[in-house]
Amino acid sequence: YLCLEDSVLRIQNRLFEIAEDAPDSVHFCTECAPIGQGLEKQIENFSMEHPGTVLVIIDTLQMVRPIHDTTYANDYRDLSVLKRLADRLGLAILLIHHLRKEKAEDVFHRISGTTAISGAVDSSFTLVEERRGSGRAKLTCIGRDIEYRELELERNADNVWELLSDSRTQLERLEERIVFLLSGFLKSQGEFIGTPTELSQRIDPDGQEGITPKKVSRMILQSVEALRKGGVSVVIRRSNGKRIIQLRRADSDDMEGAGEIVPTDPVS
């Protein structure tokens, strides 16, 4: 943990607020060289001396950046150096960085610097407090290999964040709902072939479920595995420029390999 804005005493005090002692596998450092001027070699040497290293935290990113103008090219170059290092050493490098104070509709637009900051890394996480001193915050996650996710958190008396709500749980409930609706619909139909508009009108004619044509395709795409387990095979394709959804209620013997989405380019 490269805690470059802390003193040894401050690190010790923070530790005592969370635990009686840190495990032997945790190491702290309050000084390091900048990117391109020795930082990479320092991390590499530490990784060789401690083969079990899986995580390096740099707090803060600005403290290890060389002095230069903030441009897209500079931001991307600095972050790419650390990205390549992490890939080569087989570990994660977590960069602590600041948000801008001004609000934004997309919280990731508040990341200080150019868009290269988030573009060069695998994942970005923002932690925004509900209000100063409230002890409640939202952790928002986005990345190349992870689904978008929002976690509502609250810090307890032991300074540990506790989970209040998780958008993934909401997605799981959504999966359960779409499986229930489509399974019930196909009990009498057996099979459906049509557009998202036609399907939404069939399963939610009164609009009480809020399943619009745009939403039904996304819900199905997100729930392929859940639908397969529920006995519904899915194919989504394009025909004459239109998206076609094909659903079939299958017996358990017919479900081997079913439920695969087969997207295709527009064909005549």
C-alpha atoms as a PDB file:
ATOM      1  CA  TYR A   1       0.000   0.000   0.000  1.00  0.00           C
ATOM      2  CA  LEU A   2       1.725   3.150  -1.250  1.00  0.00           C
ATOM      3  CA  CYS A   3       0.056   5.676   1.065  1.00  0.00           C
ATOM      4  CA  LEU A   4       1.914   8.697  -0.254  1.00  0.00           C
ATOM      5  CA  GLU A   5      -0.117  11.397   1.495  1.00  0.00           C
ATOM      6  CA  ASP A   6       0.124   9.834   4.983  1.00  0.00           C
ATOM      7  CA  SER A   7       2.675   9.748   7.772  1.00  0.00           C
ATOM      8  CA  VAL A   8       3.584   6.517   9.559  1.00  0.00           C
ATOM      9  CA  LEU A   9       1.705   7.732  12.638  1.00  0.00           C
ATOM     10  CA  ARG A  10      -1.446   8.423  10.635  1.00  0.00           C
ATOM     11  CA  ILE A  11      -1.292   4.965   9.044  1.00  0.00           C
ATOM     12  CA  GLN A  12      -0.939   3.387  12.479  1.00  0.00           C
ATOM     13  CA  ASN A  13      -3.873   5.356  13.892  1.00  0.00           C
ATOM     14  CA  ARG A  14      -6.097   4.349  10.974  1.00  0.00           C
ATOM     15  CA  LEU A  15      -5.174   0.703  11.433  1.00  0.00           C
ATOM     16  CA  PHE A  16      -6.077   0.799  15.108  1.00  0.00           C
ATOM     17  CA  GLU A  17      -9.521   2.142  14.155  1.00  0.00           C
ATOM     18  CA  ILE A  18     -10.159  -0.959  12.039  1.00  0.00           C
ATOM     19  CA  ALA A  19      -8.147  -3.774  13.605  1.00  0.00           C
ATOM     20  CA  GLU A  20      -5.694  -4.444  16.395  1.00  0.00           C
ATOM     21  CA  ASP A  21      -2.930  -5.218  13.948  1.00  0.00           C
ATOM     22  CA  ALA A  22      -2.350  -5.625  10.211  1.00  0.00           C
ATOM     23  CA  PRO A  23      -1.599  -9.100   8.832  1.00  0.00           C
ATOM     24  CA  ASP A  24       2.005  -9.892   7.957  1.00  0.00           C
ATOM     25  CA  SER A  25       1.115  -9.930   4.261  1.00  0.00           C
ATOM     26  CA  VAL A  26       0.287  -6.195   4.251  1.00  0.00           C
ATOM     27  CA  HIS A  27       3.159  -3.788   3.617  1.00  0.00           C
ATOM     28  CA  PHE A  28       3.122   0.018   3.748  1.00  0.00           C
ATOM     29  CA  CYS A  29       5.283   2.572   2.021  1.00  0.00           C
ATOM     30  CA  THR A  30       5.115   6.383   2.239  1.00  0.00           C
ATOM     31  CA  GLU A  31       7.585   7.217  -0.550  1.00  0.00           C
ATOM     32  CA  CYS A  32       8.165   6.066  -4.124  1.00  0.00           C
ATOM     33  CA  ALA A  33       9.456   7.246  -7.488  1.00  0.00           C
ATOM     34  CA  PRO A  34       7.124   8.657 -10.188  1.00  0.00           C
ATOM     35  CA  ILE A  35       5.880   6.721 -13.222  1.00  0.00           C
ATOM     36  CA  GLY A  36       8.689   6.280 -15.733  1.00  0.00           C
ATOM     37  CA  GLN A  37      11.297   7.279 -13.171  1.00  0.00           C
ATOM     38  CA  GLY A  38      11.578   4.130 -11.080  1.00  0.00           C
ATOM     39  CA  LEU A  39       8.072   3.281  -9.845  1.00  0.00           C
ATOM     40  CA  GLU A  40       7.649   0.305 -12.169  1.00  0.00           C
ATOM     41  CA  LYS A  41      10.984  -1.182 -11.090  1.00  0.00           C
ATOM     42  CA  GLN A  42      10.093  -0.643  -7.421  1.00  0.00           C
ATOM     43  CA  ILE A  43       6.801  -2.541  -7.827  1.00  0.00           C
ATOM     44  CA  GLU A  44       8.479  -5.273  -9.863  1.00  0.00           C
ATOM     45  CA  ASN A  45      11.235  -5.751  -7.262  1.00  0.00           C
ATOM     46  CA  PHE A  46       8.679  -5.903  -4.447  1.00  0.00           C
ATOM     47  CA  SER A  47       6.664  -8.484  -6.392  1.00  0.00           C
ATOM     48  CA  MET A  48       9.786 -10.642  -6.829  1.00  0.00           C
ATOM     49  CA  GLU A  49      10.653 -10.362  -3.123  1.00  0.00           C
ATOM     50  CA  HIS A  50       7.049 -11.175  -2.144  1.00  0.00           C
ATOM     51  CA  PRO A  51       5.796 -13.740  -4.719  1.00  0.00           C
ATOM     52  CA  GLY A  52       2.312 -13.865  -3.210  1.00  0.00           C
ATOM     53  CA  THR A  53       1.584 -10.211  -3.976  1.00  0.00           C
ATOM     54  CA  VAL A  54      -1.816  -9.799  -5.639  1.00  0.00           C
ATOM     55  CA  LEU A  55      -2.662  -6.138  -4.984  1.00  0.00           C
ATOM     56  CA  VAL A  56      -0.774  -2.846  -5.091  1.00  0.00           C
ATOM     57  CA  ILE A  57      -2.637   0.276  -3.958  1.00  0.00           C
ATOM     58  CA  ILE A  58      -1.317   3.671  -5.034  1.00  0.00           C
ATOM     59  CA  ASP A  59      -2.805   6.497  -2.968  1.00  0.00           C
ATOM     60  CA  THR A  60      -2.946   8.850  -4.772  1.00  0.00           C
ATOM     61  CA  LEU A  61      -2.368   8.608  -8.521  1.00  0.00           C
ATOM     62  CA  GLN A  62      -1.384  12.268  -8.725  1.00  0.00           C
ATOM     63  CA  MET A  63       1.529  11.647  -6.345  1.00  0.00           C
ATOM     64  CA  VAL A  64       3.234   9.271  -8.826  1.00  0.00           C
ATOM     65  CA  ARG A  65       2.567  11.171 -12.033  1.00  0.00           C
ATOM     66  CA  PRO A  66       5.424  13.084 -13.700  1.00  0.00           C
ATOM     67  CA  ILE A  67       4.964  16.839 -13.949  1.00  0.00           C
ATOM     68  CA  HIS A  68       3.437  17.619 -17.345  1.00  0.00           C
ATOM     69  CA  ASP A  69       0.348  19.148 -18.868  1.00  0.00           C
ATOM     70  CA  THR A  70      -2.932  17.295 -18.411  1.00  0.00           C
ATOM     71  CA  THR A  71      -3.752  16.104 -21.913  1.00  0.00           C
ATOM     72  CA  TYR A  72      -5.463  12.982 -23.224  1.00  0.00           C
ATOM     73  CA  ALA A  73      -2.143  11.639 -24.535  1.00  0.00           C
ATOM     74  CA  ASN A  74      -0.331  12.176 -21.236  1.00  0.00           C
ATOM     75  CA  ASP A  75      -3.156  10.666 -19.172  1.00  0.00           C
ATOM     76  CA  TYR A  76      -3.379   7.626 -21.423  1.00  0.00           C
ATOM     77  CA  ARG A  77       0.393   7.109 -21.464  1.00  0.00           C
ATOM     78  CA  ASP A  78       0.753   7.226 -17.674  1.00  0.00           C
ATOM     79  CA  LEU A  79      -2.163   4.851 -17.042  1.00  0.00           C
ATOM     80  CA  SER A  80      -1.093   2.475 -19.812  1.00  0.00           C
ATOM     81  CA  VAL A  81       2.327   2.053 -18.197  1.00  0.00           C
ATOM     82  CA  LEU A  82       0.698   0.818 -14.986  1.00  0.00           C
ATOM     83  CA  LYS A  83      -1.851  -1.300 -16.891  1.00  0.00           C
ATOM     84  CA  ARG A  84       0.907  -3.145 -18.768  1.00  0.00           C
ATOM     85  CA  LEU A  85       2.879  -3.610 -15.543  1.00  0.00           C
ATOM     86  CA  ALA A  86      -0.128  -5.135 -13.760  1.00  0.00           C
ATOM     87  CA  ASP A  87      -0.787  -7.505 -16.681  1.00  0.00           C
ATOM     88  CA  ARG A  88       2.843  -8.579 -16.849  1.00  0.00           C
ATOM     89  CA  LEU A  89       3.171  -9.220 -13.112  1.00  0.00           C
ATOM     90  CA  GLY A  90      -0.255 -10.842 -12.787  1.00  0.00           C
ATOM     91  CA  LEU A  91      -1.504  -8.531 -10.040  1.00  0.00           C
ATOM     92  CA  ALA A  92      -4.030  -5.741  -9.580  1.00  0.00           C
ATOM     93  CA  ILE A  93      -2.995  -2.112  -9.255  1.00  0.00           C
ATOM     94  CA  LEU A  94      -5.648   0.008  -7.545  1.00  0.00           C
ATOM     95  CA  LEU A  95      -5.220   3.735  -8.168  1.00  0.00           C
ATOM     96  CA  ILE A  96      -6.859   6.153  -5.745  1.00  0.00           C
ATOM     97  CA  HIS A  97      -7.806   9.314  -7.637  1.00  0.00           C
ATOM     98  CA  HIS A  98      -9.870  12.431  -6.986  1.00  0.00           C
ATOM     99  CA  LEU A  99     -13.288  13.416  -8.324  1.00  0.00           C
ATOM    100  CA  ARG A 100     -14.177  16.889  -9.451  1.00  0.00           C
ATOM    101  CA  LYS A 101     -16.366  18.797  -7.027  1.00  0.00           C
ATOM    102  CA  GLU A 102     -18.938  19.788  -9.645  1.00  0.00           C
ATOM    103  CA  LYS A 103     -21.875  17.447 -10.202  1.00  0.00           C
ATOM    104  CA  ALA A 104     -22.406  15.448 -13.397  1.00  0.00           C
ATOM    105  CA  GLU A 105     -25.238  13.305 -14.709  1.00  0.00           C
ATOM    106  CA  ASP A 106     -22.757  10.454 -15.187  1.00  0.00           C
ATOM    107  CA  VAL A 107     -20.653  10.101 -12.048  1.00  0.00           C
ATOM    108  CA  PHE A 108     -17.692   8.822 -14.088  1.00  0.00           C
ATOM    109  CA  HIS A 109     -17.519  12.194 -15.830  1.00  0.00           C
ATOM    110  CA  ARG A 110     -16.434  13.585 -12.450  1.00  0.00           C
ATOM    111  CA  ILE A 111     -13.127  11.698 -12.552  1.00  0.00           C
ATOM    112  CA  SER A 112     -10.422  14.354 -12.556  1.00  0.00           C
ATOM    113  CA  GLY A 113      -8.442  14.579 -15.796  1.00  0.00           C
ATOM    114  CA  THR A 114      -9.336  13.615 -19.336  1.00  0.00           C
ATOM    115  CA  THR A 115     -11.451  10.633 -20.411  1.00  0.00           C
ATOM    116  CA  ALA A 116      -8.193   8.730 -20.939  1.00  0.00           C
ATOM    117  CA  ILE A 117      -8.061   8.151 -17.168  1.00  0.00           C
ATOM    118  CA  SER A 118     -11.022   5.775 -17.315  1.00  0.00           C
ATOM    119  CA  GLY A 119     -10.345   4.665 -20.900  1.00  0.00           C
ATOM    120  CA  ALA A 120      -6.921   3.193 -20.181  1.00  0.00           C
ATOM    121  CA  VAL A 121      -7.858   1.083 -17.150  1.00  0.00           C
ATOM    122  CA  ASP A 122      -9.804  -2.167 -16.892  1.00  0.00           C
ATOM    123  CA  SER A 123     -12.339  -0.904 -14.341  1.00  0.00           C
ATOM    124  CA  SER A 124     -13.381   2.323 -12.631  1.00  0.00           C
ATOM    125  CA  PHE A 125     -15.061   2.711  -9.238  1.00  0.00           C
ATOM    126  CA  THR A 126     -16.439   5.912  -7.753  1.00  0.00           C
ATOM    127  CA  LEU A 127     -17.269   6.292  -4.063  1.00  0.00           C
ATOM    128  CA  VAL A 128     -19.474   9.325  -3.436  1.00  0.00           C
ATOM    129  CA  GLU A 129     -20.689  10.240   0.038  1.00  0.00           C
ATOM    130  CA  GLU A 130     -24.377  11.063   0.366  1.00  0.00           C
ATOM    131  CA  ARG A 131     -23.420  14.213   2.235  1.00  0.00           C
ATOM    132  CA  ARG A 132     -20.354  15.177   4.222  1.00  0.00           C
ATOM    133  CA  GLY A 133     -20.185  13.249   7.495  1.00  0.00           C
ATOM    134  CA  SER A 134     -23.277  11.133   6.756  1.00  0.00           C
ATOM    135  CA  GLY A 135     -21.395   7.829   6.739  1.00  0.00           C
ATOM    136  CA  ARG A 136     -23.478   6.719   3.748  1.00  0.00           C
ATOM    137  CA  ALA A 137     -22.116   6.469   0.227  1.00  0.00           C
ATOM    138  CA  LYS A 138     -22.702   4.953  -3.190  1.00  0.00           C
ATOM    139  CA  LEU A 139     -20.028   2.792  -4.826  1.00  0.00           C
ATOM    140  CA  THR A 140     -20.522   2.716  -8.601  1.00  0.00           C
ATOM    141  CA  CYS A 141     -18.588   0.171 -10.682  1.00  0.00           C
ATOM    142  CA  ILE A 142     -17.990  -0.094 -14.410  1.00  0.00           C
ATOM    143  CA  GLY A 143     -15.418  -1.960 -16.476  1.00  0.00           C
ATOM    144  CA  ARG A 144     -14.493  -4.005 -19.504  1.00  0.00           C
ATOM    145  CA  ASP A 145     -15.053  -7.357 -17.815  1.00  0.00           C
ATOM    146  CA  ILE A 146     -17.683  -6.490 -15.196  1.00  0.00           C
ATOM    147  CA  GLU A 147     -21.336  -5.486 -15.338  1.00  0.00           C
ATOM    148  CA  TYR A 148     -22.372  -1.995 -14.299  1.00  0.00           C
ATOM    149  CA  ARG A 149     -23.165  -2.106 -10.596  1.00  0.00           C
ATOM    150  CA  GLU A 150     -24.242   0.265  -7.819  1.00  0.00           C
ATOM    151  CA  LEU A 151     -23.745  -0.507  -4.128  1.00  0.00           C
ATOM    152  CA  GLU A 152     -25.334   1.565  -1.362  1.00  0.00           C
ATOM    153  CA  LEU A 153     -23.022   1.497   1.669  1.00  0.00           C
ATOM    154  CA  GLU A 154     -23.012   2.661   5.266  1.00  0.00           C
ATOM    155  CA  ARG A 155     -19.979   2.933   7.540  1.00  0.00           C
ATOM    156  CA  ASN A 156     -20.547   1.315  10.930  1.00  0.00           C
ATOM    157  CA  ALA A 157     -19.074   2.158  14.330  1.00  0.00           C
ATOM    158  CA  ASP A 158     -16.001   0.031  13.553  1.00  0.00           C
ATOM    159  CA  ASN A 159     -15.298   2.075  10.375  1.00  0.00           C
ATOM    160  CA  VAL A 160     -16.246  -0.866   8.166  1.00  0.00           C
ATOM    161  CA  TRP A 161     -18.541  -0.358   5.182  1.00  0.00           C
ATOM    162  CA  GLU A 162     -21.754  -2.404   5.321  1.00  0.00           C
ATOM    163  CA  LEU A 163     -23.890  -3.173   2.286  1.00  0.00           C
ATOM    164  CA  LEU A 164     -27.378  -1.635   2.257  1.00  0.00           C
ATOM    165  CA  SER A 165     -28.455  -2.429  -1.313  1.00  0.00           C
ATOM    166  CA  ASP A 166     -27.007  -3.895  -4.484  1.00  0.00           C
ATOM    167  CA  SER A 167     -28.192  -3.304  -8.048  1.00  0.00           C
ATOM    168  CA  ARG A 168     -27.165  -6.885  -8.885  1.00  0.00           C
ATOM    169  CA  THR A 169     -29.869  -8.131  -6.518  1.00  0.00           C
ATOM    170  CA  GLN A 170     -32.368  -6.012  -8.435  1.00  0.00           C
ATOM    171  CA  LEU A 171     -31.133  -7.628 -11.655  1.00  0.00           C
ATOM    172  CA  GLU A 172     -31.626 -11.088 -10.168  1.00  0.00           C
ATOM    173  CA  ARG A 173     -35.209 -10.151  -9.271  1.00  0.00           C
ATOM    174  CA  LEU A 174     -35.682  -8.890 -12.811  1.00  0.00           C
ATOM    175  CA  GLU A 175     -34.414 -12.215 -14.150  1.00  0.00           C
ATOM    176  CA  GLU A 176     -36.846 -14.088 -11.932  1.00  0.00           C
ATOM    177  CA  ARG A 177     -39.720 -11.920 -13.207  1.00  0.00           C
ATOM    178  CA  ILE A 178     -38.967 -12.318 -16.914  1.00  0.00           C
ATOM    179  CA  VAL A 179     -38.522 -16.093 -16.499  1.00  0.00           C
ATOM    180  CA  PHE A 180     -41.884 -16.268 -14.699  1.00  0.00           C
ATOM    181  CA  LEU A 181     -43.669 -14.206 -17.357  1.00  0.00           C
ATOM    182  CA  LEU A 182     -42.200 -16.017 -20.355  1.00  0.00           C
ATOM    183  CA  SER A 183     -42.597 -19.489 -18.855  1.00  0.00           C
ATOM    184  CA  GLY A 184     -46.275 -18.784 -18.159  1.00  0.00           C
ATOM    185  CA  PHE A 185     -46.780 -17.290 -21.610  1.00  0.00           C
ATOM    186  CA  LEU A 186     -45.177 -20.268 -23.379  1.00  0.00           C
ATOM    187  CA  LYS A 187     -47.163 -22.866 -21.429  1.00  0.00           C
ATOM    188  CA  SER A 188     -50.083 -22.215 -23.738  1.00  0.00           C
ATOM    189  CA  GLN A 189     -48.138 -20.941 -26.763  1.00  0.00           C
ATOM    190  CA  GLY A 190     -45.300 -23.461 -26.853  1.00  0.00           C
ATOM    191  CA  GLU A 191     -43.361 -21.144 -29.144  1.00  0.00           C
ATOM    192  CA  PHE A 192     -43.112 -17.474 -30.026  1.00  0.00           C
ATOM    193  CA  ILE A 193     -41.478 -15.863 -33.051  1.00  0.00           C
ATOM    194  CA  GLY A 194     -41.856 -12.123 -33.428  1.00  0.00           C
ATOM    195  CA  THR A 195     -40.534  -8.639 -32.785  1.00  0.00           C
ATOM    196  CA  PRO A 196     -39.866  -7.128 -29.346  1.00  0.00           C
ATOM    197  CA  THR A 197     -42.969  -4.953 -29.804  1.00  0.00           C
ATOM    198  CA  GLU A 198     -45.163  -7.987 -30.441  1.00  0.00           C
ATOM    199  CA  LEU A 199     -43.688  -9.850 -27.460  1.00  0.00           C
ATOM    200  CA  SER A 200     -44.110  -6.953 -25.026  1.00  0.00           C
ATOM    201  CA  GLN A 201     -47.738  -6.571 -26.109  1.00  0.00           C
ATOM    202  CA  ARG A 202     -48.347 -10.271 -25.508  1.00  0.00           C
ATOM    203  CA  ILE A 203     -46.767 -10.583 -22.050  1.00  0.00           C
ATOM    204  CA  ASP A 204     -47.597  -7.091 -20.751  1.00  0.00           C
ATOM    205  CA  PRO A 205     -50.685  -5.886 -22.646  1.00  0.00           C
ATOM    206  CA  ASP A 206     -51.742  -3.397 -19.961  1.00  0.00           C
ATOM    207  CA  GLY A 207     -48.239  -2.062 -19.346  1.00  0.00           C
ATOM    208  CA  GLN A 208     -48.428  -2.854 -15.633  1.00  0.00           C
ATOM    209  CA  GLU A 209     -45.035  -4.589 -15.651  1.00  0.00           C
ATOM    210  CA  GLY A 210     -43.393  -1.715 -17.514  1.00  0.00           C
ATOM    211  CA  ILE A 211     -41.940  -4.106 -20.088  1.00  0.00           C
ATOM    212  CA  THR A 212     -41.461  -1.923 -23.156  1.00  0.00           C
ATOM    213  CA  PRO A 213     -40.219  -3.316 -26.504  1.00  0.00           C
ATOM    214  CA  LYS A 214     -36.792  -1.816 -25.826  1.00  0.00           C
ATOM    215  CA  LYS A 215     -36.663  -3.293 -22.325  1.00  0.00           C
ATOM    216  CA  VAL A 216     -37.865  -6.788 -23.238  1.00  0.00           C
ATOM    217  CA  SER A 217     -34.870  -7.434 -25.521  1.00  0.00           C
ATOM    218  CA  ARG A 218     -32.423  -6.262 -22.876  1.00  0.00           C
ATOM    219  CA  MET A 219     -34.136  -8.322 -20.163  1.00  0.00           C
ATOM    220  CA  ILE A 220     -33.946 -11.453 -22.300  1.00  0.00           C
ATOM    221  CA  LEU A 221     -30.296 -10.846 -23.204  1.00  0.00           C
ATOM    222  CA  GLN A 222     -29.451 -10.435 -19.517  1.00  0.00           C
ATOM    223  CA  SER A 223     -31.386 -13.545 -18.520  1.00  0.00           C
ATOM    224  CA  VAL A 224     -30.352 -16.164 -21.083  1.00  0.00           C
ATOM    225  CA  GLU A 225     -28.937 -18.594 -18.519  1.00  0.00           C
ATOM    226  CA  ALA A 226     -31.859 -18.121 -16.127  1.00  0.00           C
ATOM    227  CA  LEU A 227     -34.308 -18.727 -18.987  1.00  0.00           C
ATOM    228  CA  ARG A 228     -32.443 -21.856 -20.058  1.00  0.00           C
ATOM    229  CA  LYS A 229     -32.652 -23.236 -16.532  1.00  0.00           C
ATOM    230  CA  GLY A 230     -36.343 -22.359 -16.555  1.00  0.00           C
ATOM    231  CA  GLY A 231     -36.880 -24.435 -19.694  1.00  0.00           C
ATOM    232  CA  VAL A 232     -37.001 -21.648 -22.298  1.00  0.00           C
ATOM    233  CA  SER A 233     -34.673 -21.663 -25.304  1.00  0.00           C
ATOM    234  CA  VAL A 234     -33.854 -18.303 -26.870  1.00  0.00           C
ATOM    235  CA  VAL A 235     -32.637 -17.127 -30.274  1.00  0.00           C
ATOM    236  CA  ILE A 236     -32.377 -13.448 -31.171  1.00  0.00           C
ATOM    237  CA  ARG A 237     -31.640 -12.616 -34.794  1.00  0.00           C
ATOM    238  CA  ARG A 238     -32.323 -10.012 -37.456  1.00  0.00           C
ATOM    239  CA  SER A 239     -34.536 -10.442 -40.484  1.00  0.00           C
ATOM    240  CA  ASN A 240     -35.324  -7.730 -43.053  1.00  0.00           C
ATOM    241  CA  GLY A 241     -33.770  -5.150 -40.774  1.00  0.00           C
ATOM    242  CA  LYS A 242     -35.946  -6.112 -37.793  1.00  0.00           C
ATOM    243  CA  ARG A 243     -34.940  -7.794 -34.559  1.00  0.00           C
ATOM    244  CA  ILE A 244     -36.674 -11.134 -34.176  1.00  0.00           C
ATOM    245  CA  ILE A 245     -37.026 -12.969 -30.872  1.00  0.00           C
ATOM    246  CA  GLN A 246     -37.602 -16.710 -31.001  1.00  0.00           C
ATOM    247  CA  LEU A 247     -38.682 -18.432 -27.784  1.00  0.00           C
ATOM    248  CA  ARG A 248     -39.529 -22.074 -27.304  1.00  0.00           C
ATOM    249  CA  ARG A 249     -40.728 -23.976 -24.288  1.00  0.00           C
ATOM    250  CA  ALA A 250     -38.633 -27.139 -24.306  1.00  0.00           C
ATOM    251  CA  ASP A 251     -38.800 -30.371 -22.389  1.00  0.00           C
ATOM    252  CA  SER A 252     -35.822 -31.085 -20.161  1.00  0.00           C
ATOM    253  CA  ASP A 253     -34.464 -33.598 -22.703  1.00  0.00           C
ATOM    254  CA  ASP A 254     -34.405 -30.900 -25.365  1.00  0.00           C
ATOM    255  CA  MET A 255     -32.599 -28.287 -23.296  1.00  0.00           C
ATOM    256  CA  GLU A 256     -29.059 -29.543 -23.805  1.00  0.00           C
ATOM    257  CA  GLY A 257     -27.256 -26.465 -25.145  1.00  0.00           C
ATOM    258  CA  ALA A 258     -30.493 -24.491 -25.468  1.00  0.00           C
ATOM    259  CA  GLY A 259     -30.807 -20.880 -24.463  1.00  0.00           C
ATOM    260  CA  GLU A 260     -27.967 -19.640 -26.631  1.00  0.00           C
ATOM    261  CA  ILE A 261     -28.332 -16.163 -28.064  1.00  0.00           C
ATOM    262  CA  VAL A 262     -27.410 -16.128 -31.744  1.00  0.00           C
ATOM    263  CA  PRO A 263     -27.181 -12.482 -32.800  1.00  0.00           C
ATOM    264  CA  THR A 264     -26.662 -11.889 -36.512  1.00  0.00           C
ATOM    265  CA  ASP A 265     -26.149  -8.925 -38.766  1.00  0.00           C
ATOM    266  CA  PRO A 266     -29.154  -7.695 -40.772  1.00  0.00           C
ATOM    267  CA  VAL A 267     -30.018 -10.160 -43.503  1.00  0.00           C
ATOM    268  CA  SER A 268     -32.745 -10.257 -46.089  1.00  0.00           C
END
